[in-house]
Amino acid sequence: MTADTNAEARSHDRASAAPLLRLSKIGKNFGAVQALIDVDLEIHPGEVVALVGDNGAGKSTMIKTIAGIWSPDHGQIFWEGREVHIRNPRDAAALGIATMYQDLALSDNLDIVQNMFLGREPVNYLLLNETAMEIQARQTLSDLSVTTVRSIRQPVGSLSGGQRQAVAVARAVLEDAQLVIMDEPTAALGVSQTAMVLRLVKNLSERGVAVLLISHNLNDVFAVADTVAALYLGRIAGVLKAADIDTQRAVELITTGSIAKPSTNGSGES
């Protein structure tokens, strides 16, 4: 079976599976400003959904609503088919939602192992089980095909941007996240570091972890996304399979909120 056939099979399985996360008519206001208006979206296990939109379209509000930073003013959130109320980040984490903001929330003065287990360190007879932590950290990074880290004991402050993303992703995997939200993960990264991050996204998908990817870089979007969801002035302008849309049509959705239908002449030619 070829890689393309494998990818098609995974895509079919995702399409036939029940949604992991479903947003129904989600709305969020800040005073007179309507940041989100009747947003509907589904994310399936193992699916990479790219959320695109211009500045002010509502992307940050949407991911913060899913992550429990803000509660929606109306609408419903369903997790594995059950309605849930995500009142704070702890509720989101308990469901299996991990959010990686651009700052990644890593401690530069701590090493890789300490960052991956921060707040959930295993203890053996009141002492940190350093050996177990190192074994799990090394295995998780290996499973994610992260090979550029010199030592799992090097301070995170000494890592490149792509390596820092890898540590944040590995931490989410250790926390058994089922949905990882990544906010502009390739911003300000070079070519090789961007490639590393995109491989991480694909690895998560192959492990059955869903990814909600927020990015302004459409090249990155089309490199990994299964689905493209476009926000325009707080509304979902379109949710399309990545294979059914190109960069030009994506830009049209982002900037106008719709895609113009091709004109036809009397001969039926476009």
C-alpha atoms as a PDB file:
ATOM      1  CA  MET A   1       0.000   0.000   0.000  1.00  0.00           C
ATOM      2  CA  THR A   2       1.468   3.366  -1.021  1.00  0.00           C
ATOM      3  CA  ALA A   3       1.809   6.423   1.191  1.00  0.00           C
ATOM      4  CA  ASP A   4      -0.917   8.152  -0.829  1.00  0.00           C
ATOM      5  CA  THR A   5      -3.239   5.191  -0.346  1.00  0.00           C
ATOM      6  CA  ASN A   6      -2.520   5.205   3.387  1.00  0.00           C
ATOM      7  CA  ALA A   7      -3.309   8.918   3.538  1.00  0.00           C
ATOM      8  CA  GLU A   8      -6.572   8.392   1.639  1.00  0.00           C
ATOM      9  CA  ALA A   9      -7.546   5.572   3.996  1.00  0.00           C
ATOM     10  CA  ARG A  10      -6.869   7.727   7.058  1.00  0.00           C
ATOM     11  CA  SER A  11      -8.883  10.561   5.515  1.00  0.00           C
ATOM     12  CA  HIS A  12     -11.809   8.201   4.874  1.00  0.00           C
ATOM     13  CA  ASP A  13     -11.650   6.893   8.447  1.00  0.00           C
ATOM     14  CA  ARG A  14     -11.702  10.435   9.816  1.00  0.00           C
ATOM     15  CA  ALA A  15     -14.638  11.427   7.635  1.00  0.00           C
ATOM     16  CA  SER A  16     -16.681   8.437   8.811  1.00  0.00           C
ATOM     17  CA  ALA A  17     -15.815   8.879  12.501  1.00  0.00           C
ATOM     18  CA  ALA A  18     -17.885  10.949  14.901  1.00  0.00           C
ATOM     19  CA  PRO A  19     -16.474  14.427  15.541  1.00  0.00           C
ATOM     20  CA  LEU A  20     -14.072  14.774  18.441  1.00  0.00           C
ATOM     21  CA  LEU A  21     -15.047  18.426  18.839  1.00  0.00           C
ATOM     22  CA  ARG A  22     -18.149  20.135  17.486  1.00  0.00           C
ATOM     23  CA  LEU A  23     -18.983  23.798  17.828  1.00  0.00           C
ATOM     24  CA  SER A  24     -22.618  24.735  17.260  1.00  0.00           C
ATOM     25  CA  LYS A  25     -23.734  28.355  16.810  1.00  0.00           C
ATOM     26  CA  ILE A  26     -20.970  29.688  19.040  1.00  0.00           C
ATOM     27  CA  GLY A  27     -21.151  33.426  19.667  1.00  0.00           C
ATOM     28  CA  LYS A  28     -18.893  35.737  21.645  1.00  0.00           C
ATOM     29  CA  ASN A  29     -19.322  39.457  22.195  1.00  0.00           C
ATOM     30  CA  PHE A  30     -17.072  42.067  23.770  1.00  0.00           C
ATOM     31  CA  GLY A  31     -19.433  44.920  24.473  1.00  0.00           C
ATOM     32  CA  ALA A  32     -20.849  46.002  21.139  1.00  0.00           C
ATOM     33  CA  VAL A  33     -18.216  44.041  19.202  1.00  0.00           C
ATOM     34  CA  GLN A  34     -19.357  40.662  17.875  1.00  0.00           C
ATOM     35  CA  ALA A  35     -16.124  38.655  17.800  1.00  0.00           C
ATOM     36  CA  LEU A  36     -17.777  35.328  16.894  1.00  0.00           C
ATOM     37  CA  ILE A  37     -21.160  34.956  15.204  1.00  0.00           C
ATOM     38  CA  ASP A  38     -22.913  31.559  15.033  1.00  0.00           C
ATOM     39  CA  VAL A  39     -19.708  29.598  14.444  1.00  0.00           C
ATOM     40  CA  ASP A  40     -20.150  25.950  13.443  1.00  0.00           C
ATOM     41  CA  LEU A  41     -17.115  23.664  13.131  1.00  0.00           C
ATOM     42  CA  GLU A  42     -16.290  19.979  13.448  1.00  0.00           C
ATOM     43  CA  ILE A  43     -12.885  18.431  14.113  1.00  0.00           C
ATOM     44  CA  HIS A  44     -12.415  14.668  13.832  1.00  0.00           C
ATOM     45  CA  PRO A  45      -9.777  12.460  15.503  1.00  0.00           C
ATOM     46  CA  GLY A  46      -6.483  12.664  13.620  1.00  0.00           C
ATOM     47  CA  GLU A  47      -7.715  15.511  11.415  1.00  0.00           C
ATOM     48  CA  VAL A  48      -5.612  18.610  10.779  1.00  0.00           C
ATOM     49  CA  VAL A  49      -7.910  21.624  10.486  1.00  0.00           C
ATOM     50  CA  ALA A  50      -6.308  24.900   9.453  1.00  0.00           C
ATOM     51  CA  LEU A  51      -8.083  27.981  10.769  1.00  0.00           C
ATOM     52  CA  VAL A  52      -7.338  30.934   8.512  1.00  0.00           C
ATOM     53  CA  GLY A  53      -8.536  34.513   8.438  1.00  0.00           C
ATOM     54  CA  ASP A  54      -7.365  38.099   8.338  1.00  0.00           C
ATOM     55  CA  ASN A  55      -6.371  40.037  11.454  1.00  0.00           C
ATOM     56  CA  GLY A  56      -9.507  40.656  13.502  1.00  0.00           C
ATOM     57  CA  ALA A  57     -11.432  37.811  11.896  1.00  0.00           C
ATOM     58  CA  GLY A  58     -11.935  36.067  15.246  1.00  0.00           C
ATOM     59  CA  LYS A  59      -9.256  33.369  15.210  1.00  0.00           C
ATOM     60  CA  SER A  60      -7.798  34.220  18.622  1.00  0.00           C
ATOM     61  CA  THR A  61     -11.243  34.521  20.171  1.00  0.00           C
ATOM     62  CA  MET A  62     -12.218  31.152  18.769  1.00  0.00           C
ATOM     63  CA  ILE A  63      -9.197  29.243  20.054  1.00  0.00           C
ATOM     64  CA  LYS A  64      -9.413  30.948  23.455  1.00  0.00           C
ATOM     65  CA  THR A  65     -13.069  29.907  23.664  1.00  0.00           C
ATOM     66  CA  ILE A  66     -12.151  26.298  22.947  1.00  0.00           C
ATOM     67  CA  ALA A  67      -9.225  26.503  25.381  1.00  0.00           C
ATOM     68  CA  GLY A  68     -11.391  27.826  28.226  1.00  0.00           C
ATOM     69  CA  ILE A  69      -9.909  31.314  28.436  1.00  0.00           C
ATOM     70  CA  TRP A  70     -13.304  32.812  27.574  1.00  0.00           C
ATOM     71  CA  SER A  71     -16.766  31.295  27.785  1.00  0.00           C
ATOM     72  CA  PRO A  72     -19.087  31.666  24.774  1.00  0.00           C
ATOM     73  CA  ASP A  73     -22.084  33.935  25.184  1.00  0.00           C
ATOM     74  CA  HIS A  74     -24.266  31.449  23.358  1.00  0.00           C
ATOM     75  CA  GLY A  75     -24.026  28.215  21.435  1.00  0.00           C
ATOM     76  CA  GLN A  76     -22.957  24.708  22.377  1.00  0.00           C
ATOM     77  CA  ILE A  77     -19.681  22.786  22.504  1.00  0.00           C
ATOM     78  CA  PHE A  78     -19.746  19.018  22.078  1.00  0.00           C
ATOM     79  CA  TRP A  79     -16.841  16.713  22.915  1.00  0.00           C
ATOM     80  CA  GLU A  80     -17.079  13.142  21.630  1.00  0.00           C
ATOM     81  CA  GLY A  81     -20.800  13.709  21.088  1.00  0.00           C
ATOM     82  CA  ARG A  82     -21.489  14.990  24.608  1.00  0.00           C
ATOM     83  CA  GLU A  83     -22.250  18.614  25.398  1.00  0.00           C
ATOM     84  CA  VAL A  84     -19.571  20.115  27.624  1.00  0.00           C
ATOM     85  CA  HIS A  85     -18.991  23.447  29.344  1.00  0.00           C
ATOM     86  CA  ILE A  86     -15.379  24.598  29.177  1.00  0.00           C
ATOM     87  CA  ARG A  87     -15.210  27.238  31.899  1.00  0.00           C
ATOM     88  CA  ASN A  88     -11.435  27.442  32.255  1.00  0.00           C
ATOM     89  CA  PRO A  89      -8.191  25.950  30.866  1.00  0.00           C
ATOM     90  CA  ARG A  90      -8.314  23.182  33.471  1.00  0.00           C
ATOM     91  CA  ASP A  91     -11.643  21.991  32.041  1.00  0.00           C
ATOM     92  CA  ALA A  92     -10.113  21.976  28.552  1.00  0.00           C
ATOM     93  CA  ALA A  93      -7.067  20.025  29.715  1.00  0.00           C
ATOM     94  CA  ALA A  94      -9.266  17.476  31.492  1.00  0.00           C
ATOM     95  CA  LEU A  95     -11.053  16.789  28.205  1.00  0.00           C
ATOM     96  CA  GLY A  96      -7.767  16.363  26.342  1.00  0.00           C
ATOM     97  CA  ILE A  97      -7.338  19.792  24.739  1.00  0.00           C
ATOM     98  CA  ALA A  98      -3.828  21.255  24.740  1.00  0.00           C
ATOM     99  CA  THR A  99      -3.225  24.783  23.464  1.00  0.00           C
ATOM    100  CA  MET A 100       0.188  25.966  22.289  1.00  0.00           C
ATOM    101  CA  TYR A 101       0.297  29.739  22.052  1.00  0.00           C
ATOM    102  CA  GLN A 102       3.136  31.514  20.290  1.00  0.00           C
ATOM    103  CA  ASP A 103       5.129  31.928  23.521  1.00  0.00           C
ATOM    104  CA  LEU A 104       4.742  28.132  24.144  1.00  0.00           C
ATOM    105  CA  ALA A 105       4.683  28.696  27.954  1.00  0.00           C
ATOM    106  CA  LEU A 106       8.102  27.048  28.369  1.00  0.00           C
ATOM    107  CA  SER A 107      10.553  27.845  31.166  1.00  0.00           C
ATOM    108  CA  ASP A 108      13.866  28.808  29.583  1.00  0.00           C
ATOM    109  CA  ASN A 109      15.858  28.152  32.766  1.00  0.00           C
ATOM    110  CA  LEU A 110      14.641  24.527  33.002  1.00  0.00           C
ATOM    111  CA  ASP A 111      15.835  21.670  30.827  1.00  0.00           C
ATOM    112  CA  ILE A 112      13.765  19.677  28.335  1.00  0.00           C
ATOM    113  CA  VAL A 113      12.781  16.925  30.774  1.00  0.00           C
ATOM    114  CA  GLN A 114      11.769  19.407  33.472  1.00  0.00           C
ATOM    115  CA  ASN A 115       9.623  21.357  31.007  1.00  0.00           C
ATOM    116  CA  MET A 116       7.898  18.239  29.697  1.00  0.00           C
ATOM    117  CA  PHE A 117       6.927  17.110  33.209  1.00  0.00           C
ATOM    118  CA  LEU A 118       6.461  20.506  34.862  1.00  0.00           C
ATOM    119  CA  GLY A 119       3.609  20.251  37.365  1.00  0.00           C
ATOM    120  CA  ARG A 120       3.166  16.502  36.918  1.00  0.00           C
ATOM    121  CA  GLU A 121       6.507  15.060  37.976  1.00  0.00           C
ATOM    122  CA  PRO A 122       6.470  11.358  38.982  1.00  0.00           C
ATOM    123  CA  VAL A 123       7.524  10.790  42.572  1.00  0.00           C
ATOM    124  CA  ASN A 124       9.100   7.700  44.099  1.00  0.00           C
ATOM    125  CA  TYR A 125       9.302   7.647  47.913  1.00  0.00           C
ATOM    126  CA  LEU A 126       8.921  11.442  48.044  1.00  0.00           C
ATOM    127  CA  LEU A 127      11.777  11.893  45.544  1.00  0.00           C
ATOM    128  CA  LEU A 128      11.484  12.851  41.889  1.00  0.00           C
ATOM    129  CA  ASN A 129      11.811   9.796  39.666  1.00  0.00           C
ATOM    130  CA  GLU A 130      14.383  11.357  37.353  1.00  0.00           C
ATOM    131  CA  THR A 131      15.117   8.074  35.564  1.00  0.00           C
ATOM    132  CA  ALA A 132      11.479   7.493  34.613  1.00  0.00           C
ATOM    133  CA  MET A 133      11.158  11.091  33.448  1.00  0.00           C
ATOM    134  CA  GLU A 134      14.238  10.827  31.229  1.00  0.00           C
ATOM    135  CA  ILE A 135      13.115   7.523  29.703  1.00  0.00           C
ATOM    136  CA  GLN A 136       9.632   8.845  28.909  1.00  0.00           C
ATOM    137  CA  ALA A 137      10.956  12.144  27.567  1.00  0.00           C
ATOM    138  CA  ARG A 138      13.509  10.444  25.316  1.00  0.00           C
ATOM    139  CA  GLN A 139      10.941   7.920  24.035  1.00  0.00           C
ATOM    140  CA  THR A 140       8.312  10.580  23.329  1.00  0.00           C
ATOM    141  CA  LEU A 141      10.747  12.731  21.369  1.00  0.00           C
ATOM    142  CA  SER A 142      11.865   9.644  19.456  1.00  0.00           C
ATOM    143  CA  ASP A 143       8.257   8.695  18.648  1.00  0.00           C
ATOM    144  CA  LEU A 144       7.771  12.201  17.246  1.00  0.00           C
ATOM    145  CA  SER A 145      10.942  11.791  15.134  1.00  0.00           C
ATOM    146  CA  VAL A 146      12.692  14.653  16.933  1.00  0.00           C
ATOM    147  CA  THR A 147      16.373  13.945  16.313  1.00  0.00           C
ATOM    148  CA  THR A 148      18.022  17.374  16.432  1.00  0.00           C
ATOM    149  CA  VAL A 149      18.093  17.786  20.209  1.00  0.00           C
ATOM    150  CA  ARG A 150      21.638  17.370  21.516  1.00  0.00           C
ATOM    151  CA  SER A 151      20.626  16.355  25.039  1.00  0.00           C
ATOM    152  CA  ILE A 152      17.302  16.090  26.851  1.00  0.00           C
ATOM    153  CA  ARG A 153      19.016  17.810  29.765  1.00  0.00           C
ATOM    154  CA  GLN A 154      19.935  20.990  27.895  1.00  0.00           C
ATOM    155  CA  PRO A 155      18.126  24.173  28.955  1.00  0.00           C
ATOM    156  CA  VAL A 156      15.122  25.049  26.809  1.00  0.00           C
ATOM    157  CA  GLY A 157      16.509  28.577  26.518  1.00  0.00           C
ATOM    158  CA  SER A 158      19.330  27.183  24.355  1.00  0.00           C
ATOM    159  CA  LEU A 159      16.979  25.549  21.811  1.00  0.00           C
ATOM    160  CA  SER A 160      15.999  26.781  18.366  1.00  0.00           C
ATOM    161  CA  GLY A 161      12.429  27.807  17.600  1.00  0.00           C
ATOM    162  CA  GLY A 162      11.612  24.482  15.976  1.00  0.00           C
ATOM    163  CA  GLN A 163      13.102  22.511  18.861  1.00  0.00           C
ATOM    164  CA  ARG A 164      11.066  24.544  21.350  1.00  0.00           C
ATOM    165  CA  GLN A 165       7.912  23.675  19.372  1.00  0.00           C
ATOM    166  CA  ALA A 166       8.955  20.016  19.552  1.00  0.00           C
ATOM    167  CA  VAL A 167       9.232  20.179  23.349  1.00  0.00           C
ATOM    168  CA  ALA A 168       5.789  21.781  23.625  1.00  0.00           C
ATOM    169  CA  VAL A 169       4.279  19.121  21.343  1.00  0.00           C
ATOM    170  CA  ALA A 170       5.989  16.327  23.288  1.00  0.00           C
ATOM    171  CA  ARG A 171       4.555  17.755  26.517  1.00  0.00           C
ATOM    172  CA  ALA A 172       1.068  17.672  24.980  1.00  0.00           C
ATOM    173  CA  VAL A 173       1.592  14.040  23.953  1.00  0.00           C
ATOM    174  CA  LEU A 174       2.677  13.143  27.475  1.00  0.00           C
ATOM    175  CA  GLU A 175      -0.505  14.758  28.763  1.00  0.00           C
ATOM    176  CA  ASP A 176      -2.533  12.469  26.448  1.00  0.00           C
ATOM    177  CA  ALA A 177      -3.961  15.376  24.485  1.00  0.00           C
ATOM    178  CA  GLN A 178      -6.538  14.381  21.876  1.00  0.00           C
ATOM    179  CA  LEU A 179      -6.702  17.850  20.312  1.00  0.00           C
ATOM    180  CA  VAL A 180      -3.687  20.131  20.011  1.00  0.00           C
ATOM    181  CA  ILE A 181      -4.314  23.769  19.124  1.00  0.00           C
ATOM    182  CA  MET A 182      -1.250  25.408  17.572  1.00  0.00           C
ATOM    183  CA  ASP A 183      -1.233  29.196  17.247  1.00  0.00           C
ATOM    184  CA  GLU A 184       1.109  30.330  14.434  1.00  0.00           C
ATOM    185  CA  PRO A 185       3.674  27.584  15.185  1.00  0.00           C
ATOM    186  CA  THR A 186       5.938  28.466  12.239  1.00  0.00           C
ATOM    187  CA  ALA A 187       5.957  32.241  12.735  1.00  0.00           C
ATOM    188  CA  ALA A 188       9.504  33.661  12.521  1.00  0.00           C
ATOM    189  CA  LEU A 189      11.044  30.231  11.856  1.00  0.00           C
ATOM    190  CA  GLY A 190      13.543  29.443   9.110  1.00  0.00           C
ATOM    191  CA  VAL A 191      12.994  26.875   6.375  1.00  0.00           C
ATOM    192  CA  SER A 192      14.476  23.866   8.192  1.00  0.00           C
ATOM    193  CA  GLN A 193      12.778  24.702  11.489  1.00  0.00           C
ATOM    194  CA  THR A 194       9.443  25.166   9.719  1.00  0.00           C
ATOM    195  CA  ALA A 195       9.860  21.763   8.077  1.00  0.00           C
ATOM    196  CA  MET A 196      10.465  20.230  11.510  1.00  0.00           C
ATOM    197  CA  VAL A 197       7.276  21.744  12.919  1.00  0.00           C
ATOM    198  CA  LEU A 198       5.202  20.604   9.930  1.00  0.00           C
ATOM    199  CA  ARG A 199       6.562  17.070  10.402  1.00  0.00           C
ATOM    200  CA  LEU A 200       5.440  17.259  14.026  1.00  0.00           C
ATOM    201  CA  VAL A 201       1.924  18.186  12.898  1.00  0.00           C
ATOM    202  CA  LYS A 202       1.852  15.204  10.539  1.00  0.00           C
ATOM    203  CA  ASN A 203       3.175  12.909  13.257  1.00  0.00           C
ATOM    204  CA  LEU A 204       0.422  14.018  15.624  1.00  0.00           C
ATOM    205  CA  SER A 205      -2.189  13.319  12.957  1.00  0.00           C
ATOM    206  CA  GLU A 206      -0.768   9.871  12.288  1.00  0.00           C
ATOM    207  CA  ARG A 207      -1.007   9.120  16.019  1.00  0.00           C
ATOM    208  CA  GLY A 208      -4.732   9.946  15.872  1.00  0.00           C
ATOM    209  CA  VAL A 209      -4.347  13.341  17.566  1.00  0.00           C
ATOM    210  CA  ALA A 210      -6.446  16.112  16.029  1.00  0.00           C
ATOM    211  CA  VAL A 211      -4.735  19.433  15.307  1.00  0.00           C
ATOM    212  CA  LEU A 212      -6.299  22.874  14.988  1.00  0.00           C
ATOM    213  CA  LEU A 213      -3.630  24.923  13.215  1.00  0.00           C
ATOM    214  CA  ILE A 214      -3.852  28.710  13.107  1.00  0.00           C
ATOM    215  CA  SER A 215      -1.559  30.145  10.456  1.00  0.00           C
ATOM    216  CA  HIS A 216      -1.185  33.078   8.080  1.00  0.00           C
ATOM    217  CA  ASN A 217       1.221  31.048   5.955  1.00  0.00           C
ATOM    218  CA  LEU A 218      -0.886  29.311   3.326  1.00  0.00           C
ATOM    219  CA  ASN A 219       2.070  27.273   2.078  1.00  0.00           C
ATOM    220  CA  ASP A 220       2.300  25.705   5.528  1.00  0.00           C
ATOM    221  CA  VAL A 221      -1.477  25.257   5.634  1.00  0.00           C
ATOM    222  CA  PHE A 222      -1.619  23.313   2.379  1.00  0.00           C
ATOM    223  CA  ALA A 223       1.432  21.253   3.348  1.00  0.00           C
ATOM    224  CA  VAL A 224      -0.356  19.592   6.285  1.00  0.00           C
ATOM    225  CA  ALA A 225      -4.066  20.457   6.468  1.00  0.00           C
ATOM    226  CA  ASP A 226      -6.887  18.056   5.691  1.00  0.00           C
ATOM    227  CA  THR A 227      -9.496  20.800   6.070  1.00  0.00           C
ATOM    228  CA  VAL A 228      -9.380  24.580   5.740  1.00  0.00           C
ATOM    229  CA  ALA A 229     -11.823  26.665   7.784  1.00  0.00           C
ATOM    230  CA  ALA A 230     -11.923  30.380   6.955  1.00  0.00           C
ATOM    231  CA  LEU A 231     -13.165  33.030   9.373  1.00  0.00           C
ATOM    232  CA  TYR A 232     -14.377  36.384   8.060  1.00  0.00           C
ATOM    233  CA  LEU A 233     -15.543  39.118  10.423  1.00  0.00           C
ATOM    234  CA  GLY A 234     -16.418  36.583  13.106  1.00  0.00           C
ATOM    235  CA  ARG A 235     -18.303  34.188  10.841  1.00  0.00           C
ATOM    236  CA  ILE A 236     -17.245  30.945   9.234  1.00  0.00           C
ATOM    237  CA  ALA A 237     -16.959  31.890   5.559  1.00  0.00           C
ATOM    238  CA  GLY A 238     -16.288  28.335   4.437  1.00  0.00           C
ATOM    239  CA  VAL A 239     -15.064  24.909   5.538  1.00  0.00           C
ATOM    240  CA  LEU A 240     -13.468  23.049   2.646  1.00  0.00           C
ATOM    241  CA  LYS A 241     -11.299  20.021   2.142  1.00  0.00           C
ATOM    242  CA  ALA A 242      -7.755  21.204   1.460  1.00  0.00           C
ATOM    243  CA  ALA A 243      -7.695  19.095  -1.692  1.00  0.00           C
ATOM    244  CA  ASP A 244     -10.677  21.059  -3.048  1.00  0.00           C
ATOM    245  CA  ILE A 245      -9.215  24.527  -2.617  1.00  0.00           C
ATOM    246  CA  ASP A 246      -6.080  26.323  -3.765  1.00  0.00           C
ATOM    247  CA  THR A 247      -4.183  29.332  -2.461  1.00  0.00           C
ATOM    248  CA  GLN A 248      -6.048  31.796  -4.670  1.00  0.00           C
ATOM    249  CA  ARG A 249      -9.471  30.618  -3.501  1.00  0.00           C
ATOM    250  CA  ALA A 250      -8.274  30.579   0.121  1.00  0.00           C
ATOM    251  CA  VAL A 251      -7.115  34.202  -0.166  1.00  0.00           C
ATOM    252  CA  GLU A 252     -10.483  35.085  -1.690  1.00  0.00           C
ATOM    253  CA  LEU A 253     -12.293  33.528   1.266  1.00  0.00           C
ATOM    254  CA  ILE A 254     -10.033  35.288   3.759  1.00  0.00           C
ATOM    255  CA  THR A 255     -10.344  38.736   2.189  1.00  0.00           C
ATOM    256  CA  THR A 256     -13.951  38.763   0.938  1.00  0.00           C
ATOM    257  CA  GLY A 257     -15.720  36.038   2.916  1.00  0.00           C
ATOM    258  CA  SER A 258     -16.821  34.154  -0.190  1.00  0.00           C
ATOM    259  CA  ILE A 259     -15.570  32.543  -3.378  1.00  0.00           C
ATOM    260  CA  ALA A 260     -16.813  33.961  -6.672  1.00  0.00           C
ATOM    261  CA  LYS A 261     -18.364  31.411  -8.983  1.00  0.00           C
ATOM    262  CA  PRO A 262     -16.568  31.125 -12.347  1.00  0.00           C
ATOM    263  CA  SER A 263     -18.397  32.930 -15.122  1.00  0.00           C
ATOM    264  CA  THR A 264     -19.543  30.921 -18.131  1.00  0.00           C
ATOM    265  CA  ASN A 265     -20.353  31.998 -21.666  1.00  0.00           C
ATOM    266  CA  GLY A 266     -22.971  30.653 -24.001  1.00  0.00           C
ATOM    267  CA  SER A 267     -20.751  27.805 -25.184  1.00  0.00           C
ATOM    268  CA  GLY A 268     -20.457  26.488 -21.624  1.00  0.00           C
ATOM    269  CA  GLU A 269     -16.758  27.348 -21.418  1.00  0.00           C
ATOM    270  CA  SER A 270     -15.526  29.172 -18.358  1.00  0.00           C
END
